[in-house]
Amino acid sequence: MHELTLAEHVVHIVEDAARRAGARRVTRVRLALGLLAHVETDTLLYCCRLAARDSLAADADFQAERSPAQAHCADCGADAELAALPASCPRCGGENLSLQGGDEMRVIDIGIS
């Protein structure tokens, strides 16, 4: 389950940022997960809560947003955002797509007190 390892990294990043800001606790963590990130959202959020048990983020509300991937259609030259897979070109319906981005995972922001 690589989500647990990712969650441990998220909690480490969040705790470092909170400590640098002089926070006593983290109240909220928002994550951005690319469409192609190969991460199960609910599992990651569960693992984040688990990994945060003995940290400044123990009571934090973990949230995740899925961000689209970018695609270029080799058939018609269109560039498009893809919100789901499998996908076809929105202009011509072709499936000869080159995907760019969409595999990122990052902490968008945190709430502290």
N, C-alpha and C. Protein backbone atom coordinates (compact mmCIF):
# COMPACT_ATOMS: atom_id res chain seq x y z
N MET A 1 0.85 -1.18 0.00
CA MET A 1 0.00 0.00 0.00
C MET A 1 0.90 1.24 0.00
N HIS A 2 1.15 1.81 -1.16
CA HIS A 2 2.02 2.97 -1.22
C HIS A 2 1.35 4.23 -0.69
N GLU A 3 0.04 4.22 -0.52
CA GLU A 3 -0.65 5.38 0.04
C GLU A 3 -0.17 5.70 1.46
N LEU A 4 0.17 4.67 2.25
CA LEU A 4 0.65 4.92 3.60
C LEU A 4 2.00 5.63 3.58
N THR A 5 2.88 5.22 2.70
CA THR A 5 4.17 5.89 2.58
C THR A 5 3.97 7.34 2.13
N LEU A 6 3.10 7.55 1.16
CA LEU A 6 2.81 8.92 0.72
C LEU A 6 2.22 9.75 1.85
N ALA A 7 1.32 9.15 2.62
CA ALA A 7 0.69 9.85 3.74
C ALA A 7 1.73 10.24 4.78
N GLU A 8 2.68 9.38 5.05
CA GLU A 8 3.74 9.71 6.02
C GLU A 8 4.55 10.90 5.53
N HIS A 9 4.82 10.97 4.22
CA HIS A 9 5.53 12.11 3.66
C HIS A 9 4.70 13.38 3.76
N VAL A 10 3.41 13.28 3.51
CA VAL A 10 2.51 14.44 3.63
C VAL A 10 2.55 14.98 5.05
N VAL A 11 2.40 14.10 6.03
CA VAL A 11 2.40 14.53 7.43
C VAL A 11 3.73 15.18 7.80
N HIS A 12 4.84 14.64 7.31
CA HIS A 12 6.16 15.22 7.57
C HIS A 12 6.24 16.64 6.98
N ILE A 13 5.80 16.81 5.75
CA ILE A 13 5.80 18.13 5.10
C ILE A 13 4.93 19.12 5.88
N VAL A 14 3.75 18.66 6.27
CA VAL A 14 2.81 19.52 6.99
C VAL A 14 3.37 19.91 8.36
N GLU A 15 3.93 18.95 9.07
CA GLU A 15 4.49 19.26 10.39
C GLU A 15 5.65 20.24 10.29
N ASP A 16 6.52 20.05 9.32
CA ASP A 16 7.64 20.98 9.14
C ASP A 16 7.14 22.40 8.90
N ALA A 17 6.16 22.53 8.01
CA ALA A 17 5.61 23.86 7.71
C ALA A 17 4.94 24.47 8.93
N ALA A 18 4.20 23.67 9.68
CA ALA A 18 3.51 24.16 10.87
C ALA A 18 4.51 24.61 11.93
N ARG A 19 5.56 23.84 12.12
CA ARG A 19 6.57 24.22 13.12
C ARG A 19 7.28 25.51 12.73
N ARG A 20 7.61 25.65 11.44
CA ARG A 20 8.26 26.88 10.97
C ARG A 20 7.36 28.10 11.20
N ALA A 21 6.05 27.88 11.15
CA ALA A 21 5.09 28.97 11.35
C ALA A 21 4.76 29.18 12.83
N GLY A 22 5.32 28.35 13.70
CA GLY A 22 5.06 28.49 15.13
C GLY A 22 3.70 27.99 15.57
N ALA A 23 3.12 27.09 14.81
CA ALA A 23 1.77 26.59 15.11
C ALA A 23 1.79 25.58 16.25
N ARG A 24 0.69 25.53 16.97
CA ARG A 24 0.51 24.51 18.02
C ARG A 24 -0.18 23.28 17.47
N ARG A 25 -0.99 23.48 16.40
CA ARG A 25 -1.67 22.35 15.78
C ARG A 25 -2.08 22.68 14.36
N VAL A 26 -2.31 21.62 13.59
CA VAL A 26 -2.77 21.76 12.21
C VAL A 26 -4.26 21.40 12.20
N THR A 27 -5.07 22.27 11.62
CA THR A 27 -6.52 22.05 11.61
C THR A 27 -7.04 21.49 10.29
N ARG A 28 -6.32 21.78 9.18
CA ARG A 28 -6.78 21.36 7.86
C ARG A 28 -5.60 21.16 6.94
N VAL A 29 -5.70 20.15 6.08
CA VAL A 29 -4.68 19.90 5.05
C VAL A 29 -5.42 19.64 3.74
N ARG A 30 -5.10 20.46 2.71
CA ARG A 30 -5.69 20.24 1.38
C ARG A 30 -4.61 19.74 0.43
N LEU A 31 -4.92 18.64 -0.25
CA LEU A 31 -4.00 18.03 -1.19
C LEU A 31 -4.55 18.14 -2.61
N ALA A 32 -3.66 18.26 -3.58
CA ALA A 32 -4.02 18.19 -5.00
C ALA A 32 -3.46 16.88 -5.54
N LEU A 33 -4.32 16.09 -6.14
CA LEU A 33 -3.92 14.81 -6.71
C LEU A 33 -4.23 14.82 -8.20
N GLY A 34 -3.21 14.67 -9.00
CA GLY A 34 -3.42 14.63 -10.45
C GLY A 34 -4.20 13.40 -10.86
N LEU A 35 -4.90 13.51 -11.96
CA LEU A 35 -5.72 12.42 -12.49
C LEU A 35 -4.89 11.15 -12.69
N LEU A 36 -3.63 11.31 -13.05
CA LEU A 36 -2.76 10.18 -13.34
C LEU A 36 -1.83 9.82 -12.18
N ALA A 37 -2.13 10.30 -10.99
CA ALA A 37 -1.24 10.10 -9.83
C ALA A 37 -1.23 8.67 -9.31
N HIS A 38 -2.12 7.82 -9.77
CA HIS A 38 -2.18 6.42 -9.32
C HIS A 38 -2.29 6.33 -7.80
N VAL A 39 -3.16 7.16 -7.25
CA VAL A 39 -3.41 7.18 -5.82
C VAL A 39 -4.91 7.05 -5.61
N GLU A 40 -5.31 6.14 -4.74
CA GLU A 40 -6.72 5.99 -4.37
C GLU A 40 -7.02 7.06 -3.32
N THR A 41 -7.86 8.02 -3.65
CA THR A 41 -8.10 9.20 -2.81
C THR A 41 -8.56 8.83 -1.40
N ASP A 42 -9.59 8.01 -1.27
CA ASP A 42 -10.11 7.67 0.06
C ASP A 42 -9.07 6.95 0.89
N THR A 43 -8.31 6.07 0.27
CA THR A 43 -7.26 5.34 0.99
C THR A 43 -6.17 6.30 1.46
N LEU A 44 -5.78 7.23 0.60
CA LEU A 44 -4.76 8.21 0.99
C LEU A 44 -5.23 9.05 2.17
N LEU A 45 -6.46 9.53 2.12
CA LEU A 45 -6.98 10.36 3.21
C LEU A 45 -7.03 9.58 4.51
N TYR A 46 -7.45 8.32 4.44
CA TYR A 46 -7.46 7.46 5.63
C TYR A 46 -6.05 7.31 6.17
N CYS A 47 -5.10 7.04 5.29
CA CYS A 47 -3.71 6.86 5.71
C CYS A 47 -3.12 8.14 6.29
N CYS A 48 -3.52 9.29 5.76
CA CYS A 48 -3.06 10.56 6.31
C CYS A 48 -3.54 10.71 7.76
N ARG A 49 -4.80 10.40 8.00
CA ARG A 49 -5.32 10.48 9.37
C ARG A 49 -4.58 9.51 10.28
N LEU A 50 -4.27 8.33 9.77
CA LEU A 50 -3.53 7.33 10.53
C LEU A 50 -2.11 7.80 10.82
N ALA A 51 -1.42 8.31 9.81
CA ALA A 51 -0.04 8.76 9.98
C ALA A 51 0.07 9.99 10.87
N ALA A 52 -1.01 10.76 10.96
CA ALA A 52 -1.00 12.00 11.73
C ALA A 52 -1.34 11.80 13.21
N ARG A 53 -1.63 10.58 13.63
CA ARG A 53 -2.11 10.33 14.99
C ARG A 53 -1.30 11.00 16.09
N ASP A 54 -0.01 10.92 16.06
CA ASP A 54 0.83 11.47 17.13
C ASP A 54 1.59 12.70 16.65
N SER A 55 0.92 13.54 15.87
CA SER A 55 1.59 14.70 15.31
C SER A 55 0.76 15.96 15.55
N LEU A 56 1.28 17.08 15.09
CA LEU A 56 0.53 18.34 15.17
C LEU A 56 -0.75 18.30 14.35
N ALA A 57 -0.84 17.34 13.43
CA ALA A 57 -2.00 17.22 12.56
C ALA A 57 -2.97 16.13 13.01
N ALA A 58 -2.88 15.73 14.26
CA ALA A 58 -3.69 14.61 14.77
C ALA A 58 -5.19 14.81 14.57
N ASP A 59 -5.66 16.03 14.68
CA ASP A 59 -7.09 16.30 14.54
C ASP A 59 -7.43 17.05 13.25
N ALA A 60 -6.49 17.08 12.33
CA ALA A 60 -6.69 17.84 11.09
C ALA A 60 -7.73 17.19 10.20
N ASP A 61 -8.41 18.03 9.44
CA ASP A 61 -9.34 17.59 8.41
C ASP A 61 -8.54 17.48 7.11
N PHE A 62 -8.31 16.26 6.64
CA PHE A 62 -7.58 16.04 5.40
C PHE A 62 -8.56 16.03 4.23
N GLN A 63 -8.26 16.81 3.20
CA GLN A 63 -9.11 16.93 2.03
C GLN A 63 -8.26 16.74 0.78
N ALA A 64 -8.87 16.24 -0.29
CA ALA A 64 -8.14 16.07 -1.55
C ALA A 64 -8.98 16.55 -2.72
N GLU A 65 -8.32 17.16 -3.67
CA GLU A 65 -8.94 17.61 -4.91
C GLU A 65 -8.22 16.94 -6.06
N ARG A 66 -8.97 16.42 -7.01
CA ARG A 66 -8.38 15.82 -8.21
C ARG A 66 -8.17 16.92 -9.25
N SER A 67 -6.97 16.98 -9.81
CA SER A 67 -6.70 17.95 -10.87
C SER A 67 -6.58 17.21 -12.20
N PRO A 68 -7.00 17.85 -13.29
CA PRO A 68 -7.02 17.18 -14.59
C PRO A 68 -5.63 16.99 -15.17
N ALA A 69 -5.54 16.12 -16.16
CA ALA A 69 -4.33 15.94 -16.94
C ALA A 69 -4.47 16.76 -18.23
N GLN A 70 -3.37 17.10 -18.83
CA GLN A 70 -3.36 17.80 -20.11
C GLN A 70 -3.07 16.78 -21.20
N ALA A 71 -3.71 16.94 -22.34
CA ALA A 71 -3.50 16.01 -23.45
C ALA A 71 -3.38 16.76 -24.75
N HIS A 72 -2.60 16.18 -25.65
CA HIS A 72 -2.48 16.70 -27.01
C HIS A 72 -2.89 15.59 -27.96
N CYS A 73 -3.80 15.90 -28.88
CA CYS A 73 -4.28 14.92 -29.84
C CYS A 73 -3.39 14.94 -31.08
N ALA A 74 -2.75 13.81 -31.38
CA ALA A 74 -1.90 13.71 -32.56
C ALA A 74 -2.72 13.68 -33.85
N ASP A 75 -4.01 13.34 -33.75
CA ASP A 75 -4.85 13.25 -34.94
C ASP A 75 -5.28 14.63 -35.45
N CYS A 76 -5.73 15.52 -34.54
CA CYS A 76 -6.25 16.82 -34.99
C CYS A 76 -5.47 18.01 -34.44
N GLY A 77 -4.52 17.76 -33.53
CA GLY A 77 -3.70 18.85 -32.99
C GLY A 77 -4.31 19.59 -31.82
N ALA A 78 -5.46 19.16 -31.35
CA ALA A 78 -6.13 19.86 -30.24
C ALA A 78 -5.41 19.59 -28.91
N ASP A 79 -5.43 20.60 -28.05
CA ASP A 79 -4.97 20.45 -26.67
C ASP A 79 -6.21 20.49 -25.79
N ALA A 80 -6.24 19.63 -24.79
CA ALA A 80 -7.44 19.55 -23.94
C ALA A 80 -7.07 19.13 -22.54
N GLU A 81 -7.97 19.42 -21.60
CA GLU A 81 -7.87 18.91 -20.23
C GLU A 81 -8.70 17.63 -20.16
N LEU A 82 -8.16 16.65 -19.47
CA LEU A 82 -8.88 15.39 -19.27
C LEU A 82 -9.24 15.26 -17.80
N ALA A 83 -10.50 15.06 -17.52
CA ALA A 83 -10.97 14.92 -16.15
C ALA A 83 -11.16 13.47 -15.75
N ALA A 84 -11.14 12.56 -16.72
CA ALA A 84 -11.36 11.14 -16.42
C ALA A 84 -10.66 10.29 -17.48
N LEU A 85 -10.39 9.07 -17.10
CA LEU A 85 -9.80 8.09 -18.02
C LEU A 85 -10.71 6.89 -18.09
N PRO A 86 -10.78 6.15 -19.16
CA PRO A 86 -10.13 6.42 -20.44
C PRO A 86 -10.72 7.66 -21.09
N ALA A 87 -9.95 8.25 -22.00
CA ALA A 87 -10.37 9.51 -22.62
C ALA A 87 -10.17 9.48 -24.12
N SER A 88 -10.92 10.32 -24.79
CA SER A 88 -10.74 10.54 -26.21
C SER A 88 -10.72 12.05 -26.44
N CYS A 89 -10.25 12.45 -27.59
CA CYS A 89 -10.15 13.87 -27.91
C CYS A 89 -11.55 14.49 -27.95
N PRO A 90 -11.74 15.60 -27.24
CA PRO A 90 -13.06 16.24 -27.25
C PRO A 90 -13.39 16.87 -28.60
N ARG A 91 -12.39 17.14 -29.43
CA ARG A 91 -12.67 17.76 -30.74
C ARG A 91 -12.99 16.71 -31.81
N CYS A 92 -12.14 15.68 -31.93
CA CYS A 92 -12.33 14.73 -33.04
C CYS A 92 -12.71 13.32 -32.59
N GLY A 93 -12.66 13.06 -31.29
CA GLY A 93 -13.00 11.73 -30.79
C GLY A 93 -11.86 10.73 -30.89
N GLY A 94 -10.72 11.17 -31.40
CA GLY A 94 -9.56 10.29 -31.55
C GLY A 94 -8.98 9.86 -30.21
N GLU A 95 -8.27 8.75 -30.25
CA GLU A 95 -7.66 8.22 -29.03
C GLU A 95 -6.14 8.26 -29.07
N ASN A 96 -5.58 8.99 -30.02
CA ASN A 96 -4.14 9.10 -30.17
C ASN A 96 -3.66 10.32 -29.37
N LEU A 97 -3.73 10.20 -28.04
CA LEU A 97 -3.45 11.32 -27.15
C LEU A 97 -2.08 11.18 -26.49
N SER A 98 -1.38 12.29 -26.38
CA SER A 98 -0.15 12.36 -25.58
C SER A 98 -0.52 13.08 -24.29
N LEU A 99 -0.29 12.43 -23.18
CA LEU A 99 -0.65 13.02 -21.89
C LEU A 99 0.54 13.77 -21.32
N GLN A 100 0.25 14.94 -20.75
CA GLN A 100 1.27 15.75 -20.10
C GLN A 100 0.75 16.15 -18.73
N GLY A 101 1.58 16.00 -17.73
CA GLY A 101 1.16 16.37 -16.39
C GLY A 101 0.07 15.45 -15.88
N GLY A 102 -0.54 15.86 -14.80
CA GLY A 102 -1.62 15.08 -14.22
C GLY A 102 -1.16 14.00 -13.27
N ASP A 103 0.16 13.88 -13.07
CA ASP A 103 0.66 12.85 -12.16
C ASP A 103 1.18 13.44 -10.85
N GLU A 104 0.92 14.72 -10.64
CA GLU A 104 1.43 15.39 -9.46
C GLU A 104 0.60 15.09 -8.21
N MET A 105 1.25 15.27 -7.09
CA MET A 105 0.59 15.20 -5.79
C MET A 105 1.29 16.24 -4.93
N ARG A 106 0.52 17.19 -4.40
CA ARG A 106 1.13 18.24 -3.61
C ARG A 106 0.19 18.74 -2.52
N VAL A 107 0.77 19.33 -1.51
CA VAL A 107 0.02 19.98 -0.45
C VAL A 107 -0.33 21.36 -0.97
N ILE A 108 -1.63 21.66 -1.06
CA ILE A 108 -2.07 22.97 -1.54
C ILE A 108 -1.94 24.00 -0.42
N ASP A 109 -2.52 23.69 0.72
CA ASP A 109 -2.41 24.57 1.87
C ASP A 109 -2.75 23.82 3.15
N ILE A 110 -2.41 24.47 4.26
CA ILE A 110 -2.73 23.90 5.57
C ILE A 110 -3.32 24.99 6.44
N GLY A 111 -4.20 24.58 7.33
CA GLY A 111 -4.74 25.49 8.33
C GLY A 111 -4.05 25.20 9.65
N ILE A 112 -3.64 26.25 10.35
CA ILE A 112 -2.93 26.08 11.62
C ILE A 112 -3.55 26.96 12.70
N SER A 113 -3.25 26.62 13.93
CA SER A 113 -3.63 27.49 15.06
C SER A 113 -2.53 27.44 16.09
